[in-house]
Amino acid sequence: MICNQTVNVTEEYNVKRHYETKHSEGVYGKLDGRNRELKVKQLKEQLKSQRCMIQKMLADNEKVVRCSFLIAQRIAQNMKSYSDGNFVKQCLTDVAEEICPKIVQEYEKISVSRWTTARRIDELAGDSCDTLKDKVRNFVSWSFAIVESTNEKDTAQLAIFIKGVDKALNETEEFLSLQSMKDTTTGADIF
């Protein structure tokens, strides 16, 4: 509490040795009785206020990261360019300047660069994949549906869907994958 340093092994001998070598000659070595109790209480209060400040900073940072994920999710859902995050952020700061100038700096903390947006979308996709895997593990019955189509370059593509039911008869239907077909698209190739 005194110097905010940590002792490698927190045994009584090590803590006592640290105190005697670093702090016994200073102000703390001269304290005794009631003065020592008051000083310990003051140090505990300082530590508590530092913890509260750090927790508030972490909570604020968590909100900023959550906002970054929300913007990335909207960009992905609307199939916009990853660089549109900067446009959205600029709109948010402009609106905040008009409505509530006190929170403009909070909006400016949101990270929405192309690379950050790409990472966020990748993390969201991974989370969606993990959620789907958890659902599929609980299926008691399931089936696949495959739809064949071509894109604008006449490349055959297969859209693969899974539909399943769990023990509680909750039905789930999800898109699994979009696979490009090379060469031929016979039934055997699709299978």
N, C-alpha and C. Protein backbone atom coordinates (compact mmCIF):
# COMPACT_ATOMS: atom_id res chain seq x y z
N MET A 1 0.82 -1.20 0.00
CA MET A 1 0.00 0.00 0.00
C MET A 1 0.86 1.26 0.00
N ILE A 2 2.01 1.18 0.61
CA ILE A 2 2.84 2.38 0.76
C ILE A 2 3.47 2.78 -0.56
N CYS A 3 4.13 1.82 -1.22
CA CYS A 3 4.88 2.18 -2.43
C CYS A 3 4.30 1.55 -3.70
N ASN A 4 3.19 0.84 -3.59
CA ASN A 4 2.54 0.18 -4.73
C ASN A 4 3.46 -0.79 -5.45
N GLN A 5 4.37 -1.39 -4.74
CA GLN A 5 5.23 -2.43 -5.30
C GLN A 5 4.74 -3.77 -4.79
N THR A 6 5.07 -4.82 -5.54
CA THR A 6 4.68 -6.15 -5.10
C THR A 6 5.92 -6.91 -4.65
N VAL A 7 5.72 -7.75 -3.67
CA VAL A 7 6.78 -8.61 -3.18
C VAL A 7 6.59 -9.96 -3.87
N ASN A 8 7.69 -10.51 -4.39
CA ASN A 8 7.58 -11.75 -5.17
C ASN A 8 6.86 -12.86 -4.41
N VAL A 9 7.30 -13.13 -3.21
CA VAL A 9 6.68 -14.17 -2.39
C VAL A 9 6.11 -13.48 -1.16
N THR A 10 4.79 -13.48 -1.03
CA THR A 10 4.17 -12.72 0.05
C THR A 10 4.15 -13.53 1.35
N GLU A 11 5.30 -13.74 1.88
CA GLU A 11 5.44 -14.34 3.20
C GLU A 11 5.85 -13.25 4.17
N GLU A 12 5.59 -13.47 5.44
CA GLU A 12 5.85 -12.44 6.45
C GLU A 12 7.28 -11.94 6.40
N TYR A 13 8.25 -12.86 6.25
CA TYR A 13 9.66 -12.47 6.22
C TYR A 13 9.94 -11.51 5.07
N ASN A 14 9.44 -11.82 3.87
CA ASN A 14 9.71 -10.99 2.69
C ASN A 14 9.06 -9.61 2.80
N VAL A 15 7.84 -9.56 3.30
CA VAL A 15 7.15 -8.27 3.45
C VAL A 15 7.87 -7.43 4.50
N LYS A 16 8.24 -8.06 5.62
CA LYS A 16 8.95 -7.35 6.69
C LYS A 16 10.29 -6.82 6.20
N ARG A 17 11.02 -7.65 5.46
CA ARG A 17 12.32 -7.25 4.91
C ARG A 17 12.17 -6.07 3.95
N HIS A 18 11.17 -6.14 3.07
CA HIS A 18 10.91 -5.04 2.13
C HIS A 18 10.62 -3.75 2.91
N TYR A 19 9.77 -3.83 3.92
CA TYR A 19 9.40 -2.66 4.70
C TYR A 19 10.61 -2.07 5.42
N GLU A 20 11.40 -2.93 6.03
CA GLU A 20 12.55 -2.46 6.80
C GLU A 20 13.61 -1.84 5.89
N THR A 21 13.83 -2.40 4.71
CA THR A 21 14.86 -1.86 3.82
C THR A 21 14.40 -0.63 3.05
N LYS A 22 13.11 -0.53 2.75
CA LYS A 22 12.62 0.56 1.90
C LYS A 22 11.93 1.69 2.68
N HIS A 23 11.30 1.37 3.80
CA HIS A 23 10.41 2.36 4.42
C HIS A 23 10.68 2.64 5.90
N SER A 24 11.50 1.89 6.57
CA SER A 24 11.65 2.07 8.01
C SER A 24 12.33 3.39 8.37
N GLU A 25 13.19 3.90 7.52
CA GLU A 25 13.90 5.15 7.81
C GLU A 25 13.08 6.40 7.52
N GLY A 26 12.06 6.27 6.69
CA GLY A 26 11.26 7.44 6.30
C GLY A 26 10.19 7.76 7.31
N VAL A 27 9.14 8.41 6.83
CA VAL A 27 8.02 8.85 7.64
C VAL A 27 7.34 7.67 8.31
N TYR A 28 7.26 6.55 7.61
CA TYR A 28 6.50 5.41 8.10
C TYR A 28 7.18 4.72 9.29
N GLY A 29 8.49 4.80 9.37
CA GLY A 29 9.21 4.18 10.48
C GLY A 29 8.99 4.91 11.80
N LYS A 30 8.64 6.17 11.74
CA LYS A 30 8.48 6.98 12.94
C LYS A 30 7.04 6.96 13.48
N LEU A 31 6.11 6.36 12.71
CA LEU A 31 4.72 6.32 13.14
C LEU A 31 4.53 5.22 14.19
N ASP A 32 3.71 5.51 15.19
CA ASP A 32 3.41 4.48 16.18
C ASP A 32 2.00 4.68 16.71
N GLY A 33 1.41 3.61 17.21
CA GLY A 33 0.10 3.67 17.85
C GLY A 33 -1.00 4.23 16.96
N ARG A 34 -1.68 5.26 17.44
CA ARG A 34 -2.84 5.85 16.77
C ARG A 34 -2.45 6.46 15.42
N ASN A 35 -1.29 7.10 15.34
CA ASN A 35 -0.83 7.70 14.08
C ASN A 35 -0.65 6.64 13.00
N ARG A 36 -0.12 5.48 13.41
CA ARG A 36 0.07 4.38 12.45
C ARG A 36 -1.29 3.89 11.94
N GLU A 37 -2.27 3.75 12.83
CA GLU A 37 -3.61 3.31 12.43
C GLU A 37 -4.23 4.30 11.46
N LEU A 38 -4.09 5.58 11.74
CA LEU A 38 -4.63 6.61 10.84
C LEU A 38 -3.97 6.56 9.47
N LYS A 39 -2.65 6.36 9.46
CA LYS A 39 -1.92 6.30 8.19
C LYS A 39 -2.35 5.08 7.39
N VAL A 40 -2.52 3.93 8.05
CA VAL A 40 -2.98 2.72 7.35
C VAL A 40 -4.38 2.95 6.79
N LYS A 41 -5.24 3.59 7.56
CA LYS A 41 -6.60 3.88 7.09
C LYS A 41 -6.55 4.81 5.87
N GLN A 42 -5.69 5.81 5.91
CA GLN A 42 -5.54 6.74 4.78
C GLN A 42 -5.04 6.00 3.54
N LEU A 43 -4.06 5.12 3.71
CA LEU A 43 -3.53 4.36 2.58
C LEU A 43 -4.59 3.43 1.99
N LYS A 44 -5.40 2.82 2.85
CA LYS A 44 -6.48 1.95 2.36
C LYS A 44 -7.49 2.75 1.55
N GLU A 45 -7.82 3.95 2.00
CA GLU A 45 -8.76 4.81 1.28
C GLU A 45 -8.20 5.20 -0.09
N GLN A 46 -6.90 5.51 -0.14
CA GLN A 46 -6.26 5.84 -1.41
C GLN A 46 -6.33 4.65 -2.36
N LEU A 47 -6.05 3.47 -1.84
CA LEU A 47 -6.10 2.25 -2.66
C LEU A 47 -7.51 2.01 -3.17
N LYS A 48 -8.49 2.22 -2.29
CA LYS A 48 -9.88 2.04 -2.68
C LYS A 48 -10.29 3.02 -3.78
N SER A 49 -9.87 4.27 -3.66
CA SER A 49 -10.21 5.26 -4.69
C SER A 49 -9.52 4.94 -6.01
N GLN A 50 -8.29 4.43 -5.95
CA GLN A 50 -7.59 4.03 -7.17
C GLN A 50 -8.33 2.89 -7.85
N ARG A 51 -8.79 1.93 -7.07
CA ARG A 51 -9.54 0.80 -7.63
C ARG A 51 -10.82 1.27 -8.29
N CYS A 52 -11.54 2.17 -7.62
CA CYS A 52 -12.79 2.69 -8.18
C CYS A 52 -12.53 3.41 -9.51
N MET A 53 -11.46 4.19 -9.55
CA MET A 53 -11.12 4.92 -10.77
C MET A 53 -10.79 3.94 -11.91
N ILE A 54 -10.02 2.92 -11.59
CA ILE A 54 -9.66 1.92 -12.61
C ILE A 54 -10.90 1.17 -13.08
N GLN A 55 -11.78 0.80 -12.17
CA GLN A 55 -13.01 0.10 -12.54
C GLN A 55 -13.88 0.97 -13.43
N LYS A 56 -13.95 2.26 -13.14
CA LYS A 56 -14.74 3.17 -13.98
C LYS A 56 -14.13 3.28 -15.37
N MET A 57 -12.81 3.37 -15.43
CA MET A 57 -12.14 3.45 -16.73
C MET A 57 -12.39 2.17 -17.53
N LEU A 58 -12.33 1.02 -16.87
CA LEU A 58 -12.58 -0.25 -17.56
C LEU A 58 -14.01 -0.33 -18.06
N ALA A 59 -14.97 0.13 -17.24
CA ALA A 59 -16.37 0.11 -17.65
C ALA A 59 -16.59 1.04 -18.85
N ASP A 60 -15.97 2.21 -18.82
CA ASP A 60 -16.09 3.15 -19.95
C ASP A 60 -15.48 2.55 -21.21
N ASN A 61 -14.32 1.92 -21.05
CA ASN A 61 -13.65 1.30 -22.19
C ASN A 61 -14.50 0.16 -22.76
N GLU A 62 -15.14 -0.59 -21.88
CA GLU A 62 -16.00 -1.69 -22.32
C GLU A 62 -17.17 -1.16 -23.16
N LYS A 63 -17.74 -0.03 -22.76
CA LYS A 63 -18.83 0.58 -23.52
C LYS A 63 -18.35 1.00 -24.92
N VAL A 64 -17.16 1.57 -24.98
CA VAL A 64 -16.62 2.03 -26.26
C VAL A 64 -16.39 0.84 -27.19
N VAL A 65 -15.85 -0.25 -26.65
CA VAL A 65 -15.61 -1.46 -27.46
C VAL A 65 -16.95 -2.05 -27.92
N ARG A 66 -17.95 -2.07 -27.04
CA ARG A 66 -19.27 -2.58 -27.40
C ARG A 66 -19.86 -1.76 -28.55
N CYS A 67 -19.70 -0.44 -28.49
CA CYS A 67 -20.18 0.43 -29.57
C CYS A 67 -19.47 0.12 -30.88
N SER A 68 -18.18 -0.13 -30.80
CA SER A 68 -17.42 -0.49 -31.99
C SER A 68 -17.96 -1.78 -32.61
N PHE A 69 -18.31 -2.75 -31.76
CA PHE A 69 -18.90 -4.00 -32.26
C PHE A 69 -20.27 -3.75 -32.88
N LEU A 70 -21.08 -2.88 -32.28
CA LEU A 70 -22.41 -2.59 -32.84
C LEU A 70 -22.30 -1.97 -34.22
N ILE A 71 -21.38 -1.04 -34.38
CA ILE A 71 -21.18 -0.40 -35.69
C ILE A 71 -20.70 -1.44 -36.71
N ALA A 72 -19.75 -2.29 -36.31
CA ALA A 72 -19.25 -3.34 -37.21
C ALA A 72 -20.37 -4.29 -37.61
N GLN A 73 -21.24 -4.63 -36.66
CA GLN A 73 -22.36 -5.53 -36.96
C GLN A 73 -23.29 -4.91 -37.99
N ARG A 74 -23.61 -3.63 -37.83
CA ARG A 74 -24.49 -2.95 -38.79
C ARG A 74 -23.84 -2.86 -40.17
N ILE A 75 -22.55 -2.61 -40.20
CA ILE A 75 -21.84 -2.56 -41.49
C ILE A 75 -21.92 -3.91 -42.18
N ALA A 76 -21.70 -5.00 -41.43
CA ALA A 76 -21.76 -6.34 -42.02
C ALA A 76 -23.18 -6.68 -42.47
N GLN A 77 -24.18 -6.37 -41.65
CA GLN A 77 -25.56 -6.70 -41.99
C GLN A 77 -26.02 -5.98 -43.25
N ASN A 78 -25.53 -4.77 -43.46
CA ASN A 78 -25.93 -3.99 -44.62
C ASN A 78 -24.94 -4.08 -45.77
N MET A 79 -23.96 -4.95 -45.63
CA MET A 79 -22.95 -5.21 -46.66
C MET A 79 -22.30 -3.92 -47.16
N LYS A 80 -21.91 -3.08 -46.23
CA LYS A 80 -21.24 -1.83 -46.54
C LYS A 80 -19.73 -2.01 -46.48
N SER A 81 -19.03 -1.05 -47.01
CA SER A 81 -17.57 -1.07 -46.98
C SER A 81 -17.09 -0.89 -45.54
N TYR A 82 -16.01 -1.56 -45.20
CA TYR A 82 -15.46 -1.47 -43.84
C TYR A 82 -15.07 -0.04 -43.49
N SER A 83 -14.72 0.75 -44.49
CA SER A 83 -14.33 2.14 -44.22
C SER A 83 -15.53 3.02 -43.87
N ASP A 84 -16.75 2.52 -44.03
CA ASP A 84 -17.94 3.30 -43.66
C ASP A 84 -18.02 3.53 -42.16
N GLY A 85 -17.27 2.79 -41.38
CA GLY A 85 -17.25 3.00 -39.93
C GLY A 85 -16.82 4.41 -39.58
N ASN A 86 -15.85 4.93 -40.31
CA ASN A 86 -15.39 6.30 -40.06
C ASN A 86 -16.50 7.31 -40.37
N PHE A 87 -17.27 7.04 -41.40
CA PHE A 87 -18.40 7.91 -41.75
C PHE A 87 -19.44 7.90 -40.63
N VAL A 88 -19.75 6.69 -40.12
CA VAL A 88 -20.73 6.56 -39.03
C VAL A 88 -20.23 7.30 -37.79
N LYS A 89 -18.96 7.15 -37.48
CA LYS A 89 -18.38 7.81 -36.31
C LYS A 89 -18.46 9.33 -36.45
N GLN A 90 -18.17 9.84 -37.64
CA GLN A 90 -18.25 11.28 -37.88
C GLN A 90 -19.69 11.77 -37.71
N CYS A 91 -20.65 10.99 -38.20
CA CYS A 91 -22.06 11.37 -38.02
C CYS A 91 -22.42 11.40 -36.53
N LEU A 92 -21.96 10.41 -35.78
CA LEU A 92 -22.26 10.38 -34.34
C LEU A 92 -21.66 11.59 -33.62
N THR A 93 -20.43 11.93 -33.94
CA THR A 93 -19.80 13.07 -33.26
C THR A 93 -20.47 14.38 -33.65
N ASP A 94 -20.88 14.50 -34.92
CA ASP A 94 -21.58 15.72 -35.35
C ASP A 94 -22.92 15.88 -34.61
N VAL A 95 -23.65 14.80 -34.50
CA VAL A 95 -24.94 14.85 -33.80
C VAL A 95 -24.71 15.15 -32.32
N ALA A 96 -23.69 14.51 -31.72
CA ALA A 96 -23.40 14.74 -30.30
C ALA A 96 -23.01 16.19 -30.05
N GLU A 97 -22.29 16.82 -30.97
CA GLU A 97 -21.92 18.22 -30.81
C GLU A 97 -23.15 19.12 -30.74
N GLU A 98 -24.18 18.76 -31.48
CA GLU A 98 -25.41 19.55 -31.49
C GLU A 98 -26.28 19.27 -30.28
N ILE A 99 -26.42 18.00 -29.93
CA ILE A 99 -27.36 17.62 -28.88
C ILE A 99 -26.75 17.66 -27.49
N CYS A 100 -25.58 17.08 -27.36
CA CYS A 100 -24.95 16.98 -26.02
C CYS A 100 -23.43 17.06 -26.17
N PRO A 101 -22.88 18.27 -26.22
CA PRO A 101 -21.44 18.44 -26.45
C PRO A 101 -20.55 17.76 -25.40
N LYS A 102 -21.12 17.47 -24.22
CA LYS A 102 -20.32 16.86 -23.16
C LYS A 102 -19.84 15.45 -23.51
N ILE A 103 -20.58 14.76 -24.39
CA ILE A 103 -20.22 13.36 -24.67
C ILE A 103 -19.50 13.18 -26.01
N VAL A 104 -19.14 14.26 -26.67
CA VAL A 104 -18.44 14.15 -27.96
C VAL A 104 -17.16 13.35 -27.82
N GLN A 105 -16.41 13.59 -26.76
CA GLN A 105 -15.14 12.87 -26.59
C GLN A 105 -15.34 11.37 -26.41
N GLU A 106 -16.50 10.97 -25.88
CA GLU A 106 -16.79 9.54 -25.74
C GLU A 106 -16.96 8.91 -27.13
N TYR A 107 -17.64 9.60 -28.03
CA TYR A 107 -17.82 9.09 -29.39
C TYR A 107 -16.49 9.05 -30.14
N GLU A 108 -15.63 10.00 -29.86
CA GLU A 108 -14.34 10.03 -30.55
C GLU A 108 -13.44 8.87 -30.15
N LYS A 109 -13.70 8.25 -29.01
CA LYS A 109 -12.90 7.10 -28.55
C LYS A 109 -13.23 5.82 -29.29
N ILE A 110 -14.38 5.77 -29.96
CA ILE A 110 -14.81 4.54 -30.64
C ILE A 110 -13.88 4.27 -31.81
N SER A 111 -13.33 3.06 -31.83
CA SER A 111 -12.40 2.67 -32.90
C SER A 111 -13.17 1.98 -34.01
N VAL A 112 -13.18 2.60 -35.18
CA VAL A 112 -13.92 2.06 -36.32
C VAL A 112 -13.09 2.09 -37.61
N SER A 113 -11.79 1.95 -37.49
CA SER A 113 -10.95 1.91 -38.69
C SER A 113 -11.31 0.66 -39.51
N ARG A 114 -10.87 0.63 -40.75
CA ARG A 114 -11.17 -0.53 -41.60
C ARG A 114 -10.68 -1.82 -40.97
N TRP A 115 -9.47 -1.79 -40.42
CA TRP A 115 -8.87 -3.00 -39.85
C TRP A 115 -9.61 -3.43 -38.59
N THR A 116 -9.98 -2.47 -37.75
CA THR A 116 -10.73 -2.80 -36.54
C THR A 116 -12.10 -3.35 -36.90
N THR A 117 -12.76 -2.74 -37.86
CA THR A 117 -14.07 -3.22 -38.30
C THR A 117 -13.97 -4.64 -38.84
N ALA A 118 -12.93 -4.90 -39.64
CA ALA A 118 -12.74 -6.25 -40.17
C ALA A 118 -12.53 -7.26 -39.04
N ARG A 119 -11.73 -6.89 -38.04
CA ARG A 119 -11.50 -7.80 -36.90
C ARG A 119 -12.79 -8.03 -36.12
N ARG A 120 -13.55 -6.96 -35.90
CA ARG A 120 -14.81 -7.09 -35.15
C ARG A 120 -15.79 -8.00 -35.89
N ILE A 121 -15.90 -7.83 -37.20
CA ILE A 121 -16.81 -8.67 -37.98
C ILE A 121 -16.35 -10.12 -37.94
N ASP A 122 -15.05 -10.33 -38.00
CA ASP A 122 -14.51 -11.69 -37.91
C ASP A 122 -14.84 -12.32 -36.55
N GLU A 123 -14.72 -11.54 -35.48
CA GLU A 123 -15.05 -12.05 -34.15
C GLU A 123 -16.54 -12.34 -34.02
N LEU A 124 -17.37 -11.47 -34.59
CA LEU A 124 -18.81 -11.71 -34.56
C LEU A 124 -19.18 -12.97 -35.34
N ALA A 125 -18.53 -13.18 -36.48
CA ALA A 125 -18.79 -14.38 -37.27
C ALA A 125 -18.36 -15.63 -36.50
N GLY A 126 -17.22 -15.55 -35.84
CA GLY A 126 -16.76 -16.69 -35.04
C GLY A 126 -17.72 -17.00 -33.91
N ASP A 127 -18.26 -15.95 -33.27
CA ASP A 127 -19.22 -16.15 -32.20
C ASP A 127 -20.50 -16.77 -32.73
N SER A 128 -20.96 -16.32 -33.90
CA SER A 128 -22.16 -16.89 -34.51
C SER A 128 -21.94 -18.36 -34.84
N CYS A 129 -20.76 -18.67 -35.34
CA CYS A 129 -20.42 -20.05 -35.68
C CYS A 129 -20.42 -20.93 -34.42
N ASP A 130 -19.84 -20.43 -33.34
CA ASP A 130 -19.81 -21.19 -32.08
C ASP A 130 -21.22 -21.40 -31.54
N THR A 131 -22.07 -20.38 -31.64
CA THR A 131 -23.46 -20.49 -31.18
C THR A 131 -24.20 -21.54 -31.99
N LEU A 132 -23.99 -21.54 -33.30
CA LEU A 132 -24.64 -22.53 -34.17
C LEU A 132 -24.14 -23.94 -33.84
N LYS A 133 -22.85 -24.08 -33.60
CA LYS A 133 -22.32 -25.41 -33.23
C LYS A 133 -22.95 -25.92 -31.95
N ASP A 134 -23.15 -25.03 -30.98
CA ASP A 134 -23.80 -25.43 -29.73
C ASP A 134 -25.23 -25.89 -29.98
N LYS A 135 -25.95 -25.17 -30.85
CA LYS A 135 -27.33 -25.56 -31.16
C LYS A 135 -27.36 -26.91 -31.87
N VAL A 136 -26.44 -27.11 -32.82
CA VAL A 136 -26.43 -28.34 -33.62
C VAL A 136 -26.14 -29.55 -32.72
N ARG A 137 -25.30 -29.38 -31.71
CA ARG A 137 -25.01 -30.49 -30.79
C ARG A 137 -26.26 -30.99 -30.08
N ASN A 138 -27.24 -30.11 -29.90
CA ASN A 138 -28.46 -30.47 -29.18
C ASN A 138 -29.58 -30.95 -30.10
N PHE A 139 -29.33 -31.02 -31.40
CA PHE A 139 -30.36 -31.50 -32.31
C PHE A 139 -30.60 -33.00 -32.10
N VAL A 140 -31.88 -33.39 -32.11
CA VAL A 140 -32.21 -34.81 -32.10
C VAL A 140 -32.53 -35.29 -33.51
N SER A 141 -32.87 -34.35 -34.38
CA SER A 141 -33.13 -34.65 -35.78
C SER A 141 -32.74 -33.43 -36.61
N TRP A 142 -32.13 -33.67 -37.77
CA TRP A 142 -31.70 -32.57 -38.60
C TRP A 142 -31.64 -32.97 -40.06
N SER A 143 -31.60 -31.97 -40.94
CA SER A 143 -31.48 -32.22 -42.37
C SER A 143 -30.75 -31.05 -43.02
N PHE A 144 -30.22 -31.32 -44.22
CA PHE A 144 -29.56 -30.29 -45.00
C PHE A 144 -30.45 -29.90 -46.18
N ALA A 145 -30.38 -28.67 -46.60
CA ALA A 145 -31.02 -28.20 -47.83
C ALA A 145 -29.93 -27.52 -48.65
N ILE A 146 -29.88 -27.87 -49.94
CA ILE A 146 -28.85 -27.31 -50.82
C ILE A 146 -29.54 -26.65 -52.00
N VAL A 147 -29.16 -25.40 -52.26
CA VAL A 147 -29.73 -24.65 -53.37
C VAL A 147 -28.59 -24.29 -54.31
N GLU A 148 -28.76 -24.65 -55.57
CA GLU A 148 -27.73 -24.34 -56.56
C GLU A 148 -28.14 -23.10 -57.33
N SER A 149 -27.17 -22.18 -57.55
CA SER A 149 -27.42 -20.99 -58.35
C SER A 149 -26.10 -20.58 -58.98
N THR A 150 -26.13 -19.52 -59.78
CA THR A 150 -24.90 -19.00 -60.37
C THR A 150 -24.77 -17.53 -60.01
N ASN A 151 -23.53 -17.08 -59.91
CA ASN A 151 -23.32 -15.67 -59.62
C ASN A 151 -23.21 -14.90 -60.93
N GLU A 152 -22.87 -13.61 -60.86
CA GLU A 152 -22.83 -12.78 -62.06
C GLU A 152 -21.73 -13.19 -63.03
N LYS A 153 -20.77 -13.99 -62.59
CA LYS A 153 -19.70 -14.46 -63.47
C LYS A 153 -19.96 -15.89 -63.96
N ASP A 154 -21.20 -16.35 -63.83
CA ASP A 154 -21.62 -17.70 -64.22
C ASP A 154 -20.86 -18.80 -63.51
N THR A 155 -20.45 -18.55 -62.27
CA THR A 155 -19.83 -19.58 -61.44
C THR A 155 -20.93 -20.24 -60.62
N ALA A 156 -21.01 -21.57 -60.72
CA ALA A 156 -22.04 -22.28 -59.96
C ALA A 156 -21.71 -22.20 -58.47
N GLN A 157 -22.75 -21.97 -57.67
CA GLN A 157 -22.59 -21.88 -56.23
C GLN A 157 -23.65 -22.71 -55.53
N LEU A 158 -23.27 -23.29 -54.41
CA LEU A 158 -24.21 -24.04 -53.59
C LEU A 158 -24.41 -23.31 -52.27
N ALA A 159 -25.65 -22.99 -51.98
CA ALA A 159 -25.99 -22.44 -50.67
C ALA A 159 -26.46 -23.61 -49.82
N ILE A 160 -25.79 -23.81 -48.67
CA ILE A 160 -26.08 -24.96 -47.82
C ILE A 160 -26.74 -24.47 -46.53
N PHE A 161 -27.89 -25.06 -46.22
CA PHE A 161 -28.65 -24.73 -45.02
C PHE A 161 -28.80 -25.97 -44.15
N ILE A 162 -28.92 -25.77 -42.85
CA ILE A 162 -29.22 -26.88 -41.94
C ILE A 162 -30.51 -26.53 -41.20
N LYS A 163 -31.33 -27.55 -41.01
CA LYS A 163 -32.57 -27.39 -40.26
C LYS A 163 -32.61 -28.51 -39.24
N GLY A 164 -32.91 -28.16 -38.00
CA GLY A 164 -32.93 -29.18 -36.96
C GLY A 164 -33.91 -28.89 -35.87
N VAL A 165 -34.15 -29.91 -35.05
CA VAL A 165 -35.07 -29.81 -33.93
C VAL A 165 -34.37 -30.38 -32.70
N ASP A 166 -34.50 -29.67 -31.55
CA ASP A 166 -33.91 -30.19 -30.31
C ASP A 166 -34.97 -30.95 -29.50
N LYS A 167 -34.61 -31.41 -28.32
CA LYS A 167 -35.51 -32.22 -27.49
C LYS A 167 -36.79 -31.48 -27.12
N ALA A 168 -36.71 -30.16 -26.99
CA ALA A 168 -37.89 -29.36 -26.63
C ALA A 168 -38.72 -28.97 -27.85
N LEU A 169 -38.39 -29.56 -29.01
CA LEU A 169 -39.05 -29.29 -30.28
C LEU A 169 -38.89 -27.84 -30.76
N ASN A 170 -37.78 -27.21 -30.37
CA ASN A 170 -37.44 -25.89 -30.89
C ASN A 170 -36.78 -26.08 -32.25
N GLU A 171 -37.34 -25.43 -33.24
CA GLU A 171 -36.85 -25.59 -34.61
C GLU A 171 -35.83 -24.51 -34.94
N THR A 172 -34.74 -24.91 -35.58
CA THR A 172 -33.70 -23.97 -35.98
C THR A 172 -33.37 -24.21 -37.45
N GLU A 173 -33.32 -23.13 -38.22
CA GLU A 173 -32.91 -23.22 -39.61
C GLU A 173 -31.87 -22.13 -39.84
N GLU A 174 -30.69 -22.53 -40.28
CA GLU A 174 -29.58 -21.58 -40.42
C GLU A 174 -28.83 -21.81 -41.73
N PHE A 175 -28.29 -20.75 -42.26
CA PHE A 175 -27.40 -20.80 -43.41
C PHE A 175 -26.03 -21.28 -42.92
N LEU A 176 -25.47 -22.30 -43.58
CA LEU A 176 -24.17 -22.83 -43.18
C LEU A 176 -23.02 -22.30 -44.02
N SER A 177 -23.20 -22.38 -45.35
CA SER A 177 -22.06 -22.05 -46.19
C SER A 177 -22.50 -21.74 -47.62
N LEU A 178 -21.64 -21.05 -48.33
CA LEU A 178 -21.81 -20.81 -49.75
C LEU A 178 -20.55 -21.33 -50.42
N GLN A 179 -20.70 -22.38 -51.20
CA GLN A 179 -19.54 -23.04 -51.82
C GLN A 179 -19.57 -22.85 -53.34
N SER A 180 -18.44 -22.43 -53.90
CA SER A 180 -18.33 -22.33 -55.36
C SER A 180 -18.03 -23.70 -55.92
N MET A 181 -18.66 -24.02 -57.03
CA MET A 181 -18.44 -25.32 -57.70
C MET A 181 -17.51 -25.12 -58.88
N LYS A 182 -16.48 -25.90 -58.93
CA LYS A 182 -15.55 -25.87 -60.06
C LYS A 182 -15.95 -26.96 -61.05
N ASP A 183 -15.65 -26.75 -62.28
CA ASP A 183 -15.91 -27.72 -63.35
C ASP A 183 -17.40 -28.00 -63.50
N THR A 184 -17.84 -29.25 -63.22
CA THR A 184 -19.23 -29.64 -63.47
C THR A 184 -20.06 -29.55 -62.19
N THR A 185 -21.39 -29.59 -62.41
CA THR A 185 -22.31 -29.50 -61.27
C THR A 185 -23.33 -30.64 -61.33
N THR A 186 -22.81 -31.83 -61.56
CA THR A 186 -23.72 -32.98 -61.57
C THR A 186 -24.14 -33.32 -60.15
N GLY A 187 -25.14 -34.19 -60.04
CA GLY A 187 -25.60 -34.60 -58.72
C GLY A 187 -24.48 -35.24 -57.91
N ALA A 188 -23.62 -36.01 -58.58
CA ALA A 188 -22.50 -36.65 -57.88
C ALA A 188 -21.51 -35.60 -57.37
N ASP A 189 -21.26 -34.55 -58.17
CA ASP A 189 -20.35 -33.48 -57.74
C ASP A 189 -20.92 -32.74 -56.53
N ILE A 190 -22.22 -32.49 -56.57
CA ILE A 190 -22.86 -31.78 -55.46
C ILE A 190 -22.83 -32.64 -54.21
N PHE A 191 -23.09 -33.95 -54.38
CA PHE A 191 -23.07 -34.85 -53.21
C PHE A 191 -21.68 -34.90 -52.61
